[in-house]
PDB file of all heavy atoms in Angstrom:
ATOM      1  N   CYS A   1     -29.116 108.987 -25.815  1.00  0.00           N
ATOM      2  CA  CYS A   1     -28.798 108.994 -24.268  1.00  0.00           C
ATOM      3  C   CYS A   1     -28.292 110.409 -23.907  1.00  0.00           C
ATOM      4  O   CYS A   1     -27.439 110.917 -24.641  1.00  0.00           O
ATOM      5  CB  CYS A   1     -27.834 107.892 -24.053  1.00  0.00           C
ATOM      6  SG  CYS A   1     -27.346 107.733 -22.292  1.00  0.00           S
ATOM      7  N   THR A   2     -28.661 110.826 -22.727  1.00  0.00           N
ATOM      8  CA  THR A   2     -28.195 112.131 -22.251  1.00  0.00           C
ATOM      9  C   THR A   2     -27.024 112.014 -21.339  1.00  0.00           C
ATOM     10  O   THR A   2     -26.498 112.914 -20.847  1.00  0.00           O
ATOM     11  CB  THR A   2     -29.307 112.919 -21.508  1.00  0.00           C
ATOM     12  OG1 THR A   2     -29.720 112.184 -20.473  1.00  0.00           O
ATOM     13  CG2 THR A   2     -30.388 113.279 -22.491  1.00  0.00           C
ATOM     14  N   GLY A   3     -26.486 110.716 -21.202  1.00  0.00           N
ATOM     15  CA  GLY A   3     -25.270 110.409 -20.377  1.00  0.00           C
ATOM     16  C   GLY A   3     -24.014 110.982 -21.145  1.00  0.00           C
ATOM     17  O   GLY A   3     -24.021 111.160 -22.298  1.00  0.00           O
ATOM     18  N   ARG A   4     -23.129 111.355 -20.208  1.00  0.00           N
ATOM     19  CA  ARG A   4     -21.784 111.908 -20.720  1.00  0.00           C
ATOM     20  C   ARG A   4     -21.114 110.806 -21.504  1.00  0.00           C
ATOM     21  O   ARG A   4     -21.095 109.654 -21.187  1.00  0.00           O
ATOM     22  CB  ARG A   4     -20.898 112.376 -19.674  1.00  0.00           C
ATOM     23  CG  ARG A   4     -21.387 113.770 -19.055  1.00  0.00           C
ATOM     24  CD  ARG A   4     -20.518 114.196 -17.956  1.00  0.00           C
ATOM     25  NE  ARG A   4     -19.094 114.522 -18.614  1.00  0.00           N
ATOM     26  CZ  ARG A   4     -18.079 114.249 -17.997  1.00  0.00           C
ATOM     27  NH1 ARG A   4     -17.999 113.675 -16.776  1.00  0.00           N
ATOM     28  NH2 ARG A   4     -16.806 114.587 -18.542  1.00  0.00           N
ATOM     29  N   ARG A   5     -20.373 111.057 -22.610  1.00  0.00           N
ATOM     30  CA  ARG A   5     -19.624 110.256 -23.472  1.00  0.00           C
ATOM     31  C   ARG A   5     -20.548 109.000 -23.862  1.00  0.00           C
ATOM     32  O   ARG A   5     -20.003 107.887 -23.910  1.00  0.00           O
ATOM     33  CB  ARG A   5     -18.380 109.757 -22.683  1.00  0.00           C
ATOM     34  CG  ARG A   5     -17.416 110.857 -22.393  1.00  0.00           C
ATOM     35  CD  ARG A   5     -16.060 110.298 -21.852  1.00  0.00           C
ATOM     36  NE  ARG A   5     -15.708 109.192 -22.685  1.00  0.00           N
ATOM     37  CZ  ARG A   5     -14.871 108.171 -22.154  1.00  0.00           C
ATOM     38  NH1 ARG A   5     -14.557 108.188 -20.866  1.00  0.00           N
ATOM     39  NH2 ARG A   5     -14.496 107.209 -22.982  1.00  0.00           N
ATOM     40  N   CYS A   6     -21.737 109.274 -24.291  1.00  0.00           N
ATOM     41  CA  CYS A   6     -22.642 108.246 -24.807  1.00  0.00           C
ATOM     42  C   CYS A   6     -23.470 108.755 -25.909  1.00  0.00           C
ATOM     43  O   CYS A   6     -24.058 109.919 -25.718  1.00  0.00           O
ATOM     44  CB  CYS A   6     -23.572 107.695 -23.654  1.00  0.00           C
ATOM     45  SG  CYS A   6     -24.438 106.249 -24.191  1.00  0.00           S
ATOM     46  N   ALA A   7     -23.508 108.118 -26.910  1.00  0.00           N
ATOM     47  CA  ALA A   7     -24.389 108.477 -28.146  1.00  0.00           C
ATOM     48  C   ALA A   7     -25.306 107.267 -28.515  1.00  0.00           C
ATOM     49  O   ALA A   7     -25.816 107.213 -29.674  1.00  0.00           O
ATOM     50  CB  ALA A   7     -23.480 108.890 -29.257  1.00  0.00           C
ATOM     51  N   ASP A   8     -25.474 106.471 -27.509  1.00  0.00           N
ATOM     52  CA  ASP A   8     -26.421 105.375 -27.767  1.00  0.00           C
ATOM     53  C   ASP A   8     -27.857 105.865 -27.852  1.00  0.00           C
ATOM     54  O   ASP A   8     -28.082 106.856 -27.328  1.00  0.00           O
ATOM     55  CB  ASP A   8     -26.312 104.181 -26.608  1.00  0.00           C
ATOM     56  CG  ASP A   8     -25.079 103.320 -26.684  1.00  0.00           C
ATOM     57  OD1 ASP A   8     -24.244 103.516 -27.579  1.00  0.00           O
ATOM     58  OD2 ASP A   8     -24.993 102.433 -25.871  1.00  0.00           O
ATOM     59  N   VAL A   9     -28.690 104.968 -28.529  1.00  0.00           N
ATOM     60  CA  VAL A   9     -30.085 105.444 -28.672  1.00  0.00           C
ATOM     61  C   VAL A   9     -30.881 104.752 -27.807  1.00  0.00           C
ATOM     62  O   VAL A   9     -30.537 103.673 -27.112  1.00  0.00           O
ATOM     63  CB  VAL A   9     -30.511 105.187 -30.160  1.00  0.00           C
ATOM     64  CG1 VAL A   9     -29.645 105.837 -31.170  1.00  0.00           C
ATOM     65  CG2 VAL A   9     -30.689 103.603 -30.430  1.00  0.00           C
ATOM     66  N   TYR A  10     -32.113 105.286 -27.463  1.00  0.00           N
ATOM     67  CA  TYR A  10     -33.033 104.553 -26.643  1.00  0.00           C
ATOM     68  C   TYR A  10     -34.434 104.676 -27.344  1.00  0.00           C
ATOM     69  O   TYR A  10     -34.663 105.599 -28.177  1.00  0.00           O
ATOM     70  CB  TYR A  10     -33.169 105.072 -25.273  1.00  0.00           C
ATOM     71  CG  TYR A  10     -33.615 106.582 -25.162  1.00  0.00           C
ATOM     72  CD1 TYR A  10     -35.005 106.834 -25.072  1.00  0.00           C
ATOM     73  CD2 TYR A  10     -32.721 107.609 -25.132  1.00  0.00           C
ATOM     74  CE1 TYR A  10     -35.432 108.210 -25.097  1.00  0.00           C
ATOM     75  CE2 TYR A  10     -33.273 108.884 -25.061  1.00  0.00           C
ATOM     76  CZ  TYR A  10     -34.548 109.200 -25.043  1.00  0.00           C
ATOM     77  OH  TYR A  10     -35.086 110.420 -24.981  1.00  0.00           O
ATOM     78  N   ILE A  11     -35.246 103.642 -26.986  1.00  0.00           N
ATOM     79  CA  ILE A  11     -36.660 103.620 -27.472  1.00  0.00           C
ATOM     80  C   ILE A  11     -37.475 103.350 -26.224  1.00  0.00           C
ATOM     81  O   ILE A  11     -37.294 102.468 -25.525  1.00  0.00           O
ATOM     82  CB  ILE A  11     -36.934 102.500 -28.505  1.00  0.00           C
ATOM     83  CG1 ILE A  11     -36.036 102.718 -29.692  1.00  0.00           C
ATOM     84  CG2 ILE A  11     -38.416 102.545 -28.870  1.00  0.00           C
ATOM     85  CD1 ILE A  11     -36.108 101.524 -30.657  1.00  0.00           C
ATOM     86  N   ASP A  12     -38.200 104.418 -25.724  1.00  0.00           N
ATOM     87  CA  ASP A  12     -38.896 104.329 -24.520  1.00  0.00           C
ATOM     88  C   ASP A  12     -40.221 103.701 -24.658  1.00  0.00           C
ATOM     89  O   ASP A  12     -41.172 104.214 -25.313  1.00  0.00           O
ATOM     90  CB  ASP A  12     -39.053 105.850 -23.953  1.00  0.00           C
ATOM     91  CG  ASP A  12     -39.655 105.813 -22.595  1.00  0.00           C
ATOM     92  OD1 ASP A  12     -40.014 104.777 -22.027  1.00  0.00           O
ATOM     93  OD2 ASP A  12     -39.765 106.924 -22.073  1.00  0.00           O
ATOM     94  N   ALA A  13     -40.324 102.526 -24.135  1.00  0.00           N
ATOM     95  CA  ALA A  13     -41.566 101.756 -24.107  1.00  0.00           C
ATOM     96  C   ALA A  13     -42.279 101.724 -22.800  1.00  0.00           C
ATOM     97  O   ALA A  13     -43.327 101.084 -22.613  1.00  0.00           O
ATOM     98  CB  ALA A  13     -41.402 100.286 -24.652  1.00  0.00           C
ATOM     99  N   SER A  14     -41.763 102.582 -21.894  1.00  0.00           N
ATOM    100  CA  SER A  14     -42.291 102.634 -20.530  1.00  0.00           C
ATOM    101  C   SER A  14     -43.681 103.391 -20.515  1.00  0.00           C
ATOM    102  O   SER A  14     -43.906 104.135 -21.301  1.00  0.00           O
ATOM    103  CB  SER A  14     -41.378 103.235 -19.681  1.00  0.00           C
ATOM    104  OG  SER A  14     -41.273 104.693 -19.820  1.00  0.00           O
ATOM    105  N   PRO A  15     -44.538 103.082 -19.522  1.00  0.00           N
ATOM    106  CA  PRO A  15     -45.851 103.756 -19.398  1.00  0.00           C
ATOM    107  C   PRO A  15     -45.673 105.266 -19.310  1.00  0.00           C
ATOM    108  O   PRO A  15     -46.402 106.031 -19.859  1.00  0.00           O
ATOM    109  CB  PRO A  15     -46.504 103.048 -18.214  1.00  0.00           C
ATOM    110  CG  PRO A  15     -45.839 101.838 -18.007  1.00  0.00           C
ATOM    111  CD  PRO A  15     -44.427 101.976 -18.543  1.00  0.00           C
ATOM    112  N   GLY A  16     -44.679 105.721 -18.476  1.00  0.00           N
ATOM    113  CA  GLY A  16     -44.546 107.106 -18.178  1.00  0.00           C
ATOM    114  C   GLY A  16     -43.885 107.905 -19.273  1.00  0.00           C
ATOM    115  O   GLY A  16     -44.198 109.162 -19.479  1.00  0.00           O
ATOM    116  N   GLY A  17     -43.122 107.213 -20.199  1.00  0.00           N
ATOM    117  CA  GLY A  17     -42.528 108.058 -21.344  1.00  0.00           C
ATOM    118  C   GLY A  17     -41.503 109.035 -20.867  1.00  0.00           C
ATOM    119  O   GLY A  17     -41.445 110.011 -21.516  1.00  0.00           O
ATOM    120  N   ARG A  18     -40.736 108.783 -19.801  1.00  0.00           N
ATOM    121  CA  ARG A  18     -39.764 109.828 -19.355  1.00  0.00           C
ATOM    122  C   ARG A  18     -38.316 109.356 -19.544  1.00  0.00           C
ATOM    123  O   ARG A  18     -37.477 109.957 -18.851  1.00  0.00           O
ATOM    124  CB  ARG A  18     -40.090 110.098 -17.863  1.00  0.00           C
ATOM    125  CG  ARG A  18     -41.372 110.801 -17.764  1.00  0.00           C
ATOM    126  CD  ARG A  18     -41.509 111.351 -16.368  1.00  0.00           C
ATOM    127  NE  ARG A  18     -42.875 111.914 -16.141  1.00  0.00           N
ATOM    128  CZ  ARG A  18     -43.843 111.421 -15.447  1.00  0.00           C
ATOM    129  NH1 ARG A  18     -43.682 110.258 -14.852  1.00  0.00           N
ATOM    130  NH2 ARG A  18     -45.000 112.010 -15.467  1.00  0.00           N
ATOM    131  N   ARG A  19     -38.073 108.330 -20.278  1.00  0.00           N
ATOM    132  CA  ARG A  19     -36.723 107.830 -20.422  1.00  0.00           C
ATOM    133  C   ARG A  19     -35.779 108.821 -21.088  1.00  0.00           C
ATOM    134  O   ARG A  19     -36.262 109.323 -22.138  1.00  0.00           O
ATOM    135  CB  ARG A  19     -36.752 106.476 -21.116  1.00  0.00           C
ATOM    136  CG  ARG A  19     -35.420 105.806 -21.250  1.00  0.00           C
ATOM    137  CD  ARG A  19     -35.638 104.359 -21.834  1.00  0.00           C
ATOM    138  NE  ARG A  19     -34.367 103.732 -21.956  1.00  0.00           N
ATOM    139  CZ  ARG A  19     -34.201 102.482 -22.416  1.00  0.00           C
ATOM    140  NH1 ARG A  19     -35.248 101.871 -22.759  1.00  0.00           N
ATOM    141  NH2 ARG A  19     -33.034 101.984 -22.493  1.00  0.00           N
ATOM    142  N   ARG A  20     -34.568 109.015 -20.640  1.00  0.00           N
ATOM    143  CA  ARG A  20     -33.600 109.869 -21.305  1.00  0.00           C
ATOM    144  C   ARG A  20     -32.166 109.235 -21.314  1.00  0.00           C
ATOM    145  O   ARG A  20     -31.337 109.937 -21.772  1.00  0.00           O
ATOM    146  CB  ARG A  20     -33.474 111.160 -20.521  1.00  0.00           C
ATOM    147  CG  ARG A  20     -34.835 112.056 -20.501  1.00  0.00           C
ATOM    148  CD  ARG A  20     -35.166 112.399 -21.937  1.00  0.00           C
ATOM    149  NE  ARG A  20     -36.506 113.043 -21.943  1.00  0.00           N
ATOM    150  CZ  ARG A  20     -37.549 112.320 -22.384  1.00  0.00           C
ATOM    151  NH1 ARG A  20     -37.555 111.151 -22.865  1.00  0.00           N
ATOM    152  NH2 ARG A  20     -38.783 112.963 -22.515  1.00  0.00           N
ATOM    153  N   PHE A  21     -32.106 107.936 -20.920  1.00  0.00           N
ATOM    154  CA  PHE A  21     -30.854 107.316 -20.915  1.00  0.00           C
ATOM    155  C   PHE A  21     -30.965 105.952 -21.671  1.00  0.00           C
ATOM    156  O   PHE A  21     -32.095 105.351 -21.703  1.00  0.00           O
ATOM    157  CB  PHE A  21     -30.314 107.019 -19.451  1.00  0.00           C
ATOM    158  CG  PHE A  21     -30.049 108.261 -18.771  1.00  0.00           C
ATOM    159  CD1 PHE A  21     -30.983 108.787 -17.868  1.00  0.00           C
ATOM    160  CD2 PHE A  21     -28.838 108.891 -18.731  1.00  0.00           C
ATOM    161  CE1 PHE A  21     -30.749 109.977 -17.196  1.00  0.00           C
ATOM    162  CE2 PHE A  21     -28.557 110.083 -18.119  1.00  0.00           C
ATOM    163  CZ  PHE A  21     -29.565 110.682 -17.229  1.00  0.00           C
ATOM    164  N   CYS A  22     -29.889 105.497 -22.205  1.00  0.00           N
ATOM    165  CA  CYS A  22     -29.958 104.337 -23.019  1.00  0.00           C
ATOM    166  C   CYS A  22     -29.999 103.034 -21.984  1.00  0.00           C
ATOM    167  O   CYS A  22     -30.464 101.964 -22.409  1.00  0.00           O
ATOM    168  CB  CYS A  22     -28.775 104.121 -23.836  1.00  0.00           C
ATOM    169  SG  CYS A  22     -27.123 104.011 -22.952  1.00  0.00           S
ATOM    170  N   SER A  23     -29.548 103.204 -20.786  1.00  0.00           N
ATOM    171  CA  SER A  23     -29.486 102.115 -19.904  1.00  0.00           C
ATOM    172  C   SER A  23     -29.483 102.607 -18.419  1.00  0.00           C
ATOM    173  O   SER A  23     -29.223 103.762 -18.230  1.00  0.00           O
ATOM    174  CB  SER A  23     -28.178 101.268 -20.186  1.00  0.00           C
ATOM    175  OG  SER A  23     -26.990 102.105 -19.771  1.00  0.00           O
ATOM    176  N   VAL A  24     -29.685 101.686 -17.478  1.00  0.00           N
ATOM    177  CA  VAL A  24     -29.590 102.003 -16.134  1.00  0.00           C
ATOM    178  C   VAL A  24     -28.114 102.425 -15.735  1.00  0.00           C
ATOM    179  O   VAL A  24     -27.930 103.321 -14.895  1.00  0.00           O
ATOM    180  CB  VAL A  24     -30.108 100.832 -15.222  1.00  0.00           C
ATOM    181  CG1 VAL A  24     -29.852 101.136 -13.786  1.00  0.00           C
ATOM    182  CG2 VAL A  24     -31.566 100.620 -15.491  1.00  0.00           C
ATOM    183  N   THR A  25     -27.198 101.872 -16.367  1.00  0.00           N
ATOM    184  CA  THR A  25     -25.769 102.169 -16.123  1.00  0.00           C
ATOM    185  C   THR A  25     -25.463 103.711 -16.437  1.00  0.00           C
ATOM    186  O   THR A  25     -24.817 104.279 -15.604  1.00  0.00           O
ATOM    187  CB  THR A  25     -24.851 101.245 -16.918  1.00  0.00           C
ATOM    188  OG1 THR A  25     -25.085  99.876 -16.690  1.00  0.00           O
ATOM    189  CG2 THR A  25     -23.438 101.547 -16.730  1.00  0.00           C
ATOM    190  N   CYS A  26     -25.976 104.124 -17.634  1.00  0.00           N
ATOM    191  CA  CYS A  26     -25.797 105.438 -17.869  1.00  0.00           C
ATOM    192  C   CYS A  26     -26.476 106.436 -16.936  1.00  0.00           C
ATOM    193  O   CYS A  26     -25.951 107.502 -16.530  1.00  0.00           O
ATOM    194  CB  CYS A  26     -26.153 105.827 -19.356  1.00  0.00           C
ATOM    195  SG  CYS A  26     -24.735 105.626 -20.489  1.00  0.00           S
ATOM    196  N   GLN A  27     -27.763 106.085 -16.564  1.00  0.00           N
ATOM    197  CA  GLN A  27     -28.488 106.866 -15.668  1.00  0.00           C
ATOM    198  C   GLN A  27     -27.734 106.865 -14.307  1.00  0.00           C
ATOM    199  O   GLN A  27     -27.718 108.012 -13.682  1.00  0.00           O
ATOM    200  CB  GLN A  27     -29.885 106.199 -15.461  1.00  0.00           C
ATOM    201  CG  GLN A  27     -30.789 107.021 -14.635  1.00  0.00           C
ATOM    202  CD  GLN A  27     -32.172 106.341 -14.466  1.00  0.00           C
ATOM    203  OE1 GLN A  27     -32.430 105.203 -14.863  1.00  0.00           O
ATOM    204  NE2 GLN A  27     -33.088 107.160 -14.119  1.00  0.00           N
ATOM    205  N   ASN A  28     -27.299 105.738 -13.793  1.00  0.00           N
ATOM    206  CA  ASN A  28     -26.584 105.800 -12.535  1.00  0.00           C
ATOM    207  C   ASN A  28     -25.294 106.633 -12.582  1.00  0.00           C
ATOM    208  O   ASN A  28     -24.989 107.338 -11.639  1.00  0.00           O
ATOM    209  CB  ASN A  28     -26.244 104.341 -12.076  1.00  0.00           C
ATOM    210  CG  ASN A  28     -27.459 103.624 -11.602  1.00  0.00           C
ATOM    211  OD1 ASN A  28     -28.457 104.316 -11.301  1.00  0.00           O
ATOM    212  ND2 ASN A  28     -27.371 102.346 -11.609  1.00  0.00           N
ATOM    213  N   ARG A  29     -24.562 106.538 -13.740  1.00  0.00           N
ATOM    214  CA  ARG A  29     -23.368 107.322 -13.887  1.00  0.00           C
ATOM    215  C   ARG A  29     -23.733 108.840 -13.753  1.00  0.00           C
ATOM    216  O   ARG A  29     -22.989 109.694 -13.204  1.00  0.00           O
ATOM    217  CB  ARG A  29     -22.651 107.094 -15.198  1.00  0.00           C
ATOM    218  CG  ARG A  29     -21.847 105.925 -15.215  1.00  0.00           C
ATOM    219  CD  ARG A  29     -21.072 105.727 -16.448  1.00  0.00           C
ATOM    220  NE  ARG A  29     -20.695 104.424 -16.690  1.00  0.00           N
ATOM    221  CZ  ARG A  29     -20.671 103.672 -17.758  1.00  0.00           C
ATOM    222  NH1 ARG A  29     -21.266 104.180 -18.872  1.00  0.00           N
ATOM    223  NH2 ARG A  29     -20.251 102.481 -17.865  1.00  0.00           N
ATOM    224  N   ALA A  30     -24.772 109.239 -14.422  1.00  0.00           N
ATOM    225  CA  ALA A  30     -25.275 110.636 -14.369  1.00  0.00           C
ATOM    226  C   ALA A  30     -25.624 111.017 -13.028  1.00  0.00           C
ATOM    227  O   ALA A  30     -25.270 112.249 -12.553  1.00  0.00           O
ATOM    228  CB  ALA A  30     -26.387 110.838 -15.443  1.00  0.00           C
TER     229      ALA A  30
END
């Protein structure tokens, strides 16, 4: 995850393949 204070992992299964955060919560914080 590219969020601050987060080292969680992600596995991007989306069609676009652009995921960079472990969750919507981290994405929203960023």
